PDB file of N, CA and C in Angstrom:
ATOM      1  N   UNK A   1       0.871  -1.232   0.119  1.00  0.00           N
ATOM      2  CA  UNK A   1       0.077   0.015  -0.011  1.00  0.00           C
ATOM      3  C   UNK A   1       0.814   1.372   0.119  1.00  0.00           C
ATOM      4  N   UNK A   2       0.496   2.014  -0.785  1.00  0.00           N
ATOM      5  CA  UNK A   2       1.431   3.599  -0.769  1.00  0.00           C
ATOM      6  C   UNK A   2       0.928   4.267   0.251  1.00  0.00           C
ATOM      7  N   UNK A   3       1.772   4.954   0.986  1.00  0.00           N
ATOM      8  CA  UNK A   3       1.050   5.855   2.043  1.00  0.00           C
ATOM      9  C   UNK A   3       2.034   7.128   2.060  1.00  0.00           C
ATOM     10  N   UNK A   4       1.363   8.128   2.468  1.00  0.00           N
ATOM     11  CA  UNK A   4       1.985   9.564   2.261  1.00  0.00           C
ATOM     12  C   UNK A   4       2.154   9.990   3.666  1.00  0.00           C
ATOM     13  N   UNK A   5       3.557  10.389   4.210  1.00  0.00           N
ATOM     14  CA  UNK A   5       3.950  10.816   5.395  1.00  0.00           C
ATOM     15  C   UNK A   5       3.953  12.156   5.609  1.00  0.00           C
ATOM     16  N   UNK A   6       3.515  12.779   6.686  1.00  0.00           N
ATOM     17  CA  UNK A   6       3.723  14.271   6.959  1.00  0.00           C
ATOM     18  C   UNK A   6       4.281  14.309   8.454  1.00  0.00           C
ATOM     19  N   UNK A   7       5.135  15.348   8.682  1.00  0.00           N
ATOM     20  CA  UNK A   7       5.616  15.423   9.932  1.00  0.00           C
ATOM     21  C   UNK A   7       4.781  16.795  10.541  1.00  0.00           C
ATOM     22  N   UNK A   8       4.911  16.993  11.634  1.00  0.00           N
ATOM     23  CA  UNK A   8       4.391  18.199  12.250  1.00  0.00           C
ATOM     24  C   UNK A   8       5.464  19.428  12.148  1.00  0.00           C
ATOM     25  N   UNK A   9       5.024  20.755  12.174  1.00  0.00           N
ATOM     26  CA  UNK A   9       5.889  21.845  12.217  1.00  0.00           C
ATOM     27  C   UNK A   9       6.037  22.228  13.674  1.00  0.00           C
ATOM     28  N   UNK A  10       5.373  21.639  14.472  1.00  0.00           N
ATOM     29  CA  UNK A  10       5.079  22.154  15.984  1.00  0.00           C
ATOM     30  C   UNK A  10       5.685  21.280  16.905  1.00  0.00           C
ATOM     31  N   UNK A  11       5.557  19.810  16.601  1.00  0.00           N
ATOM     32  CA  UNK A  11       5.891  18.727  17.704  1.00  0.00           C
ATOM     33  C   UNK A  11       6.882  17.940  16.858  1.00  0.00           C
ATOM     34  N   UNK A  12       8.117  17.773  17.540  1.00  0.00           N
ATOM     35  CA  UNK A  12       9.270  17.020  17.103  1.00  0.00           C
ATOM     36  C   UNK A  12       8.875  15.581  17.171  1.00  0.00           C
ATOM     37  N   UNK A  13       8.915  14.992  16.179  1.00  0.00           N
ATOM     38  CA  UNK A  13       8.861  13.459  16.338  1.00  0.00           C
ATOM     39  C   UNK A  13       7.356  13.009  16.007  1.00  0.00           C
ATOM     40  N   UNK A  14       6.489  13.935  15.764  1.00  0.00           N
ATOM     41  CA  UNK A  14       5.003  13.623  15.455  1.00  0.00           C
ATOM     42  C   UNK A  14       4.828  13.676  13.781  1.00  0.00           C
ATOM     43  N   UNK A  15       4.580  12.536  13.459  1.00  0.00           N
ATOM     44  CA  UNK A  15       4.062  11.914  12.130  1.00  0.00           C
ATOM     45  C   UNK A  15       3.106  11.480  11.769  1.00  0.00           C
ATOM     46  N   UNK A  16       2.231  11.897  10.599  1.00  0.00           N
ATOM     47  CA  UNK A  16       1.124  11.410  10.447  1.00  0.00           C
ATOM     48  C   UNK A  16       1.176  10.387   8.864  1.00  0.00           C
ATOM     49  N   UNK A  17       0.749   9.201   9.058  1.00  0.00           N
ATOM     50  CA  UNK A  17       0.713   8.448   7.532  1.00  0.00           C
ATOM     51  C   UNK A  17      -0.821   8.613   7.061  1.00  0.00           C
ATOM     52  N   UNK A  18      -0.807   8.943   6.027  1.00  0.00           N
ATOM     53  CA  UNK A  18      -2.095   9.021   4.996  1.00  0.00           C
ATOM     54  C   UNK A  18      -2.160   7.910   4.047  1.00  0.00           C
ATOM     55  N   UNK A  19      -3.477   7.382   3.981  1.00  0.00           N
ATOM     56  CA  UNK A  19      -3.681   6.531   3.179  1.00  0.00           C
ATOM     57  C   UNK A  19      -3.974   7.046   1.514  1.00  0.00           C
ATOM     58  N   UNK A  20      -4.081   8.481   1.839  1.00  0.00           N
ATOM     59  CA  UNK A  20      -4.507   9.147   0.443  1.00  0.00           C
ATOM     60  C   UNK A  20      -3.514  10.267   0.318  1.00  0.00           C
ATOM     61  N   UNK A  21      -3.247  10.646  -0.801  1.00  0.00           N
ATOM     62  CA  UNK A  21      -2.088  11.859  -0.814  1.00  0.00           C
ATOM     63  C   UNK A  21      -2.880  12.894  -0.459  1.00  0.00           C
ATOM     64  N   UNK A  22      -4.140  13.306  -0.337  1.00  0.00           N
ATOM     65  CA  UNK A  22      -4.647  14.385  -0.104  1.00  0.00           C
ATOM     66  C   UNK A  22      -5.455  14.436   0.955  1.00  0.00           C
ATOM     67  N   UNK A  23      -4.986  13.343   1.895  1.00  0.00           N
ATOM     68  CA  UNK A  23      -6.061  12.976   3.012  1.00  0.00           C
ATOM     69  C   UNK A  23      -5.822  13.913   4.452  1.00  0.00           C
ATOM     70  N   UNK A  24      -5.142  15.021   4.300  1.00  0.00           N
ATOM     71  CA  UNK A  24      -4.997  15.981   5.309  1.00  0.00           C
ATOM     72  C   UNK A  24      -6.407  16.701   5.807  1.00  0.00           C
ATOM     73  N   UNK A  25      -7.154  16.696   4.762  1.00  0.00           N
ATOM     74  CA  UNK A  25      -8.420  17.255   5.028  1.00  0.00           C
ATOM     75  C   UNK A  25      -9.417  16.416   5.520  1.00  0.00           C
ATOM     76  N   UNK A  26      -9.332  15.079   5.773  1.00  0.00           N
ATOM     77  CA  UNK A  26      -9.943  14.238   6.651  1.00  0.00           C
ATOM     78  C   UNK A  26      -9.457  13.718   8.287  1.00  0.00           C
ATOM     79  N   UNK A  27      -8.555  14.690   8.315  1.00  0.00           N
ATOM     80  CA  UNK A  27      -7.991  14.183   9.775  1.00  0.00           C
ATOM     81  C   UNK A  27      -8.955  14.972  10.938  1.00  0.00           C
ATOM     82  N   UNK A  28      -8.794  14.335  11.744  1.00  0.00           N
ATOM     83  CA  UNK A  28      -9.542  15.120  12.967  1.00  0.00           C
ATOM     84  C   UNK A  28      -8.867  16.336  13.497  1.00  0.00           C
ATOM     85  N   UNK A  29      -9.898  17.542  13.781  1.00  0.00           N
ATOM     86  CA  UNK A  29      -9.329  18.337  14.256  1.00  0.00           C
ATOM     87  C   UNK A  29      -8.100  18.742  15.519  1.00  0.00           C
ATOM     88  N   UNK A  30      -8.075  17.487  16.433  1.00  0.00           N
ATOM     89  CA  UNK A  30      -7.254  17.701  17.360  1.00  0.00           C
ATOM     90  C   UNK A  30      -5.670  17.295  16.694  1.00  0.00           C
ATOM     91  N   UNK A  31      -5.748  16.242  15.493  1.00  0.00           N
ATOM     92  CA  UNK A  31      -4.667  15.603  14.972  1.00  0.00           C
ATOM     93  C   UNK A  31      -4.236  16.825  14.204  1.00  0.00           C
ATOM     94  N   UNK A  32      -5.001  17.912  13.544  1.00  0.00           N
ATOM     95  CA  UNK A  32      -4.504  18.774  12.712  1.00  0.00           C
ATOM     96  C   UNK A  32      -4.013  19.890  13.386  1.00  0.00           C
ATOM     97  N   UNK A  33      -4.304  20.072  14.768  1.00  0.00           N
ATOM     98  CA  UNK A  33      -3.620  21.157  15.728  1.00  0.00           C
ATOM     99  C   UNK A  33      -2.465  20.895  16.152  1.00  0.00           C
ATOM    100  N   UNK A  34      -2.011  19.488  16.223  1.00  0.00           N
ATOM    101  CA  UNK A  34      -0.658  18.895  16.745  1.00  0.00           C
ATOM    102  C   UNK A  34       0.266  19.236  15.572  1.00  0.00           C
ATOM    103  N   UNK A  35      -0.243  19.132  14.429  1.00  0.00           N
ATOM    104  CA  UNK A  35       0.544  19.038  13.155  1.00  0.00           C
ATOM    105  C   UNK A  35       1.093  20.505  12.792  1.00  0.00           C
ATOM    106  N   UNK A  36       0.395  21.188  13.154  1.00  0.00           N
ATOM    107  CA  UNK A  36       0.525  22.860  12.825  1.00  0.00           C
ATOM    108  C   UNK A  36       0.480  22.978  11.350  1.00  0.00           C
ATOM    109  N   UNK A  37       1.435  23.493  10.672  1.00  0.00           N
ATOM    110  CA  UNK A  37       1.585  23.410   9.184  1.00  0.00           C
ATOM    111  C   UNK A  37       2.146  22.204   8.694  1.00  0.00           C
ATOM    112  N   UNK A  38       1.361  21.031   8.322  1.00  0.00           N
ATOM    113  CA  UNK A  38       1.987  19.887   7.871  1.00  0.00           C
ATOM    114  C   UNK A  38       3.071  19.698   6.838  1.00  0.00           C
ATOM    115  N   UNK A  39       4.219  19.044   7.157  1.00  0.00           N
ATOM    116  CA  UNK A  39       5.562  19.394   5.943  1.00  0.00           C
ATOM    117  C   UNK A  39       5.528  17.708   5.438  1.00  0.00           C
ATOM    118  N   UNK A  40       5.484  17.765   4.294  1.00  0.00           N
ATOM    119  CA  UNK A  40       5.527  16.425   3.784  1.00  0.00           C
ATOM    120  C   UNK A  40       6.983  15.847   3.757  1.00  0.00           C
ATOM    121  N   UNK A  41       6.807  14.931   4.211  1.00  0.00           N
ATOM    122  CA  UNK A  41       8.270  13.948   4.364  1.00  0.00           C
ATOM    123  C   UNK A  41       8.540  12.930   3.505  1.00  0.00           C
ATOM    124  N   UNK A  42       7.746  11.950   3.349  1.00  0.00           N
ATOM    125  CA  UNK A  42       7.990  10.788   2.216  1.00  0.00           C
ATOM    126  C   UNK A  42       6.712  10.317   1.612  1.00  0.00           C
ATOM    127  N   UNK A  43       6.836   9.464   0.611  1.00  0.00           N
ATOM    128  CA  UNK A  43       5.944   8.539   0.087  1.00  0.00           C
ATOM    129  C   UNK A  43       6.436   7.077   0.471  1.00  0.00           C
ATOM    130  N   UNK A  44       5.976   5.986   0.972  1.00  0.00           N
ATOM    131  CA  UNK A  44       6.456   5.032   1.353  1.00  0.00           C
ATOM    132  C   UNK A  44       5.463   3.576   0.895  1.00  0.00           C
ATOM    133  N   UNK A  45       6.079   2.842   0.188  1.00  0.00           N
ATOM    134  CA  UNK A  45       5.450   1.536  -0.165  1.00  0.00           C
ATOM    135  C   UNK A  45       5.278   0.830   0.995  1.00  0.00           C
ATOM    136  N   UNK A  46       4.441   0.374   1.633  1.00  0.00           N
ATOM    137  CA  UNK A  46       3.981  -0.117   2.988  1.00  0.00           C
ATOM    138  C   UNK A  46       3.478  -1.399   2.745  1.00  0.00           C
ATOM    139  N   UNK A  47       4.150  -2.533   3.425  1.00  0.00           N
ATOM    140  CA  UNK A  47       3.487  -3.683   3.656  1.00  0.00           C
ATOM    141  C   UNK A  47       3.586  -4.459   4.791  1.00  0.00           C
ATOM    142  N   UNK A  48       2.951  -5.437   5.140  1.00  0.00           N
ATOM    143  CA  UNK A  48       3.255  -5.971   6.583  1.00  0.00           C
ATOM    144  C   UNK A  48       4.551  -6.205   6.881  1.00  0.00           C
ATOM    145  N   UNK A  49       5.494  -6.880   6.236  1.00  0.00           N
ATOM    146  CA  UNK A  49       6.836  -7.117   6.561  1.00  0.00           C
ATOM    147  C   UNK A  49       7.802  -6.229   6.630  1.00  0.00           C
ATOM    148  N   UNK A  50       7.591  -4.610   6.314  1.00  0.00           N
ATOM    149  CA  UNK A  50       8.343  -3.653   6.195  1.00  0.00           C
ATOM    150  C   UNK A  50       8.717  -3.364   7.582  1.00  0.00           C
ATOM    151  N   UNK A  51       9.981  -3.005   7.666  1.00  0.00           N
ATOM    152  CA  UNK A  51      10.655  -2.731   9.011  1.00  0.00           C
ATOM    153  C   UNK A  51      10.504  -1.195   8.943  1.00  0.00           C
ATOM    154  N   UNK A  52       9.964  -0.793  10.255  1.00  0.00           N
ATOM    155  CA  UNK A  52       9.890   0.709  10.448  1.00  0.00           C
ATOM    156  C   UNK A  52      10.562   0.924  11.735  1.00  0.00           C
ATOM    157  N   UNK A  53      11.254   2.116  11.930  1.00  0.00           N
ATOM    158  CA  UNK A  53      11.759   2.191  12.902  1.00  0.00           C
ATOM    159  C   UNK A  53      11.278   2.409  14.427  1.00  0.00           C
ATOM    160  N   UNK A  54       9.938   3.077  14.363  1.00  0.00           N
ATOM    161  CA  UNK A  54       9.156   3.059  15.674  1.00  0.00           C
ATOM    162  C   UNK A  54       8.031   2.726  15.536  1.00  0.00           C
ATOM    163  N   UNK A  55       7.445   2.187  14.523  1.00  0.00           N
ATOM    164  CA  UNK A  55       6.283   1.562  14.321  1.00  0.00           C
ATOM    165  C   UNK A  55       6.091   0.087  13.710  1.00  0.00           C
ATOM    166  N   UNK A  56       5.010  -0.454  14.193  1.00  0.00           N
ATOM    167  CA  UNK A  56       4.756  -1.878  13.464  1.00  0.00           C
ATOM    168  C   UNK A  56       4.168  -1.718  12.458  1.00  0.00           C
ATOM    169  N   UNK A  57       4.674  -2.283  11.333  1.00  0.00           N
ATOM    170  CA  UNK A  57       3.766  -1.838  10.109  1.00  0.00           C
ATOM    171  C   UNK A  57       2.518  -2.618   9.709  1.00  0.00           C
ATOM    172  N   UNK A  58       2.111  -3.557  10.526  1.00  0.00           N
ATOM    173  CA  UNK A  58       1.060  -4.140  10.353  1.00  0.00           C
ATOM    174  C   UNK A  58       0.029  -3.415  10.970  1.00  0.00           C
ATOM    175  N   UNK A  59       0.341  -2.538  12.300  1.00  0.00           N
ATOM    176  CA  UNK A  59      -0.870  -1.698  12.908  1.00  0.00           C
ATOM    177  C   UNK A  59      -0.883  -0.379  12.004  1.00  0.00           C
ATOM    178  N   UNK A  60      -0.051   0.171  11.526  1.00  0.00           N
ATOM    179  CA  UNK A  60       0.142   0.910  10.658  1.00  0.00           C
ATOM    180  C   UNK A  60      -0.898   1.029   9.561  1.00  0.00           C
ATOM    181  N   UNK A  61      -0.684  -0.316   8.858  1.00  0.00           N
ATOM    182  CA  UNK A  61      -1.662  -0.350   7.625  1.00  0.00           C
ATOM    183  C   UNK A  61      -3.292  -0.866   8.133  1.00  0.00           C
ATOM    184  N   UNK A  62      -3.375  -1.219   9.543  1.00  0.00           N
ATOM    185  CA  UNK A  62      -4.688  -1.558   9.800  1.00  0.00           C
ATOM    186  C   UNK A  62      -5.397  -0.318  10.022  1.00  0.00           C
ATOM    187  N   UNK A  63      -4.636   0.760  10.586  1.00  0.00           N
ATOM    188  CA  UNK A  63      -5.077   2.180  10.819  1.00  0.00           C
ATOM    189  C   UNK A  63      -5.396   2.711   9.404  1.00  0.00           C
ATOM    190  N   UNK A  64      -4.460   2.664   8.530  1.00  0.00           N
ATOM    191  CA  UNK A  64      -4.660   3.116   7.198  1.00  0.00           C
ATOM    192  C   UNK A  64      -5.845   2.842   6.541  1.00  0.00           C
ATOM    193  N   UNK A  65      -6.254   1.552   6.605  1.00  0.00           N
ATOM    194  CA  UNK A  65      -7.289   1.042   6.186  1.00  0.00           C
ATOM    195  C   UNK A  65      -8.721   1.334   6.663  1.00  0.00           C
ATOM    196  N   UNK A  66      -8.784   0.927   8.211  1.00  0.00           N
ATOM    197  CA  UNK A  66      -9.839   1.545   8.713  1.00  0.00           C
ATOM    198  C   UNK A  66     -10.349   3.121   8.743  1.00  0.00           C
ATOM    199  N   UNK A  67      -9.174   3.874   9.256  1.00  0.00           N
ATOM    200  CA  UNK A  67      -9.353   5.402   9.390  1.00  0.00           C
ATOM    201  C   UNK A  67      -9.024   6.012   8.470  1.00  0.00           C
ATOM    202  N   UNK A  68      -7.765   5.543   7.519  1.00  0.00           N
ATOM    203  CA  UNK A  68      -7.337   6.530   6.429  1.00  0.00           C
ATOM    204  C   UNK A  68      -6.040   7.269   7.038  1.00  0.00           C
ATOM    205  N   UNK A  69      -5.728   6.995   8.178  1.00  0.00           N
ATOM    206  CA  UNK A  69      -4.616   7.767   8.727  1.00  0.00           C
ATOM    207  C   UNK A  69      -3.723   6.965  10.205  1.00  0.00           C
ATOM    208  N   UNK A  70      -2.670   7.211  10.282  1.00  0.00           N
ATOM    209  CA  UNK A  70      -1.966   6.839  11.648  1.00  0.00           C
ATOM    210  C   UNK A  70      -1.140   7.967  12.019  1.00  0.00           C
ATOM    211  N   UNK A  71      -1.126   7.971  13.313  1.00  0.00           N
ATOM    212  CA  UNK A  71      -0.558   9.002  13.865  1.00  0.00           C
ATOM    213  C   UNK A  71       1.037   8.356  14.701  1.00  0.00           C
ATOM    214  N   UNK A  72       1.774   8.849  14.391  1.00  0.00           N
ATOM    215  CA  UNK A  72       3.079   8.412  15.041  1.00  0.00           C
ATOM    216  C   UNK A  72       3.580   9.309  16.156  1.00  0.00           C
ATOM    217  N   UNK A  73       3.720   9.222  17.249  1.00  0.00           N
ATOM    218  CA  UNK A  73       3.916  10.069  18.486  1.00  0.00           C
ATOM    219  C   UNK A  73       5.322  10.159  18.666  1.00  0.00           C
ATOM    220  N   UNK A  74       5.777  11.422  19.199  1.00  0.00           N
ATOM    221  CA  UNK A  74       7.254  11.358  19.659  1.00  0.00           C
ATOM    222  C   UNK A  74       7.608  10.267  20.482  1.00  0.00           C
ATOM    223  N   UNK A  75       9.063   9.761  20.394  1.00  0.00           N
ATOM    224  CA  UNK A  75       9.543   8.788  21.356  1.00  0.00           C
ATOM    225  C   UNK A  75       9.243   8.962  22.653  1.00  0.00           C
ATOM    226  N   UNK A  76       9.743  10.255  22.853  1.00  0.00           N
ATOM    227  CA  UNK A  76       9.809  10.645  24.414  1.00  0.00           C
ATOM    228  C   UNK A  76       8.378  11.424  25.047  1.00  0.00           C
ATOM    229  N   UNK A  77       7.551  10.672  24.323  1.00  0.00           N
ATOM    230  CA  UNK A  77       6.077  11.522  24.683  1.00  0.00           C
ATOM    231  C   UNK A  77       6.023  11.305  26.238  1.00  0.00           C
ATOM    232  N   UNK A  78       6.256  10.198  27.017  1.00  0.00           N
ATOM    233  CA  UNK A  78       6.322  10.061  28.522  1.00  0.00           C
ATOM    234  C   UNK A  78       6.665  11.425  28.975  1.00  0.00           C
ATOM    235  N   UNK A  79       8.230  11.841  28.690  1.00  0.00           N
ATOM    236  CA  UNK A  79       8.715  12.751  29.273  1.00  0.00           C
ATOM    237  C   UNK A  79       8.200  14.177  29.042  1.00  0.00           C
ATOM    238  N   UNK A  80       7.539  14.383  27.549  1.00  0.00           N
ATOM    239  CA  UNK A  80       6.795  15.645  27.519  1.00  0.00           C
ATOM    240  C   UNK A  80       5.553  15.613  28.220  1.00  0.00           C
ATOM    241  N   UNK A  81       4.908  14.580  28.681  1.00  0.00           N
ATOM    242  CA  UNK A  81       3.629  14.629  29.185  1.00  0.00           C
ATOM    243  C   UNK A  81       3.929  14.798  30.618  1.00  0.00           C
ATOM    244  N   UNK A  82       5.128  14.250  31.362  1.00  0.00           N
ATOM    245  CA  UNK A  82       5.545  14.759  32.716  1.00  0.00           C
ATOM    246  C   UNK A  82       5.651  16.308  32.800  1.00  0.00           C
ATOM    247  N   UNK A  83       6.444  16.820  31.763  1.00  0.00           N
ATOM    248  CA  UNK A  83       6.758  18.150  31.340  1.00  0.00           C
ATOM    249  C   UNK A  83       5.419  19.128  31.529  1.00  0.00           C
ATOM    250  N   UNK A  84       4.426  18.683  30.690  1.00  0.00           N
ATOM    251  CA  UNK A  84       3.214  19.304  30.869  1.00  0.00           C
ATOM    252  C   UNK A  84       2.527  19.371  32.184  1.00  0.00           C
ATOM    253  N   UNK A  85       2.732  18.348  32.860  1.00  0.00           N
ATOM    254  CA  UNK A  85       1.961  18.092  33.914  1.00  0.00           C
ATOM    255  C   UNK A  85       2.640  18.783  34.920  1.00  0.00           C
ATOM    256  N   UNK A  86       4.082  18.927  35.111  1.00  0.00           N
ATOM    257  CA  UNK A  86       4.821  19.554  35.747  1.00  0.00           C
ATOM    258  C   UNK A  86       4.245  21.328  35.866  1.00  0.00           C
ATOM    259  N   UNK A  87       4.548  21.750  34.580  1.00  0.00           N
ATOM    260  CA  UNK A  87       4.260  23.131  34.208  1.00  0.00           C
ATOM    261  C   UNK A  87       2.739  23.242  34.477  1.00  0.00           C
ATOM    262  N   UNK A  88       1.602  22.494  34.502  1.00  0.00           N
ATOM    263  CA  UNK A  88       0.497  22.801  34.980  1.00  0.00           C
ATOM    264  C   UNK A  88       0.432  22.648  36.578  1.00  0.00           C
ATOM    265  N   UNK A  89       1.105  21.958  37.090  1.00  0.00           N
ATOM    266  CA  UNK A  89       1.153  21.938  38.474  1.00  0.00           C
ATOM    267  C   UNK A  89       1.568  23.171  39.031  1.00  0.00           C
ATOM    268  N   UNK A  90       2.999  23.548  38.478  1.00  0.00           N
ATOM    269  CA  UNK A  90       3.390  24.978  38.993  1.00  0.00           C
ATOM    270  C   UNK A  90       2.482  26.362  38.734  1.00  0.00           C
ATOM    271  N   UNK A  91       2.127  26.129  37.587  1.00  0.00           N
ATOM    272  CA  UNK A  91       1.150  27.343  37.277  1.00  0.00           C
ATOM    273  C   UNK A  91      -0.376  27.226  38.334  1.00  0.00           C
ATOM    274  N   UNK A  92      -0.787  25.883  38.646  1.00  0.00           N
ATOM    275  CA  UNK A  92      -1.889  26.056  39.646  1.00  0.00           C
ATOM    276  C   UNK A  92      -1.229  26.681  41.113  1.00  0.00           C
ATOM    277  N   UNK A  93      -0.088  26.147  41.265  1.00  0.00           N
ATOM    278  CA  UNK A  93       0.427  26.516  42.692  1.00  0.00           C
ATOM    279  C   UNK A  93       0.580  27.976  42.823  1.00  0.00           C
ATOM    280  N   UNK A  94       1.014  28.740  41.732  1.00  0.00           N
ATOM    281  CA  UNK A  94       1.195  30.256  41.812  1.00  0.00           C
ATOM    282  C   UNK A  94      -0.150  31.125  42.131  1.00  0.00           C
ATOM    283  N   UNK A  95      -1.319  30.406  41.768  1.00  0.00           N
ATOM    284  CA  UNK A  95      -2.554  31.045  41.723  1.00  0.00           C
ATOM    285  C   UNK A  95      -3.086  30.894  43.338  1.00  0.00           C
TER     286      UNK A  95
END
């Protein structure tokens, strides 16, 4: 399956795989917000046995077939979530 990969202009490590080249219009609003201005990264011929650095190709294919897209989160998402929680906690304590 041919897929089209875009990276986020505001979240390093966030990528969206699309089943259709012009599928950005079909993404949910929260995903679009995280992408900022989507930057085209590459076109990929994806099959179940293809090795991907961070994702399982079968799971990506399943999402592409069922939803039309797959979101690859940054590797250090846990660290980012902790930083967001800490910042929110600090802000709440100052008020």
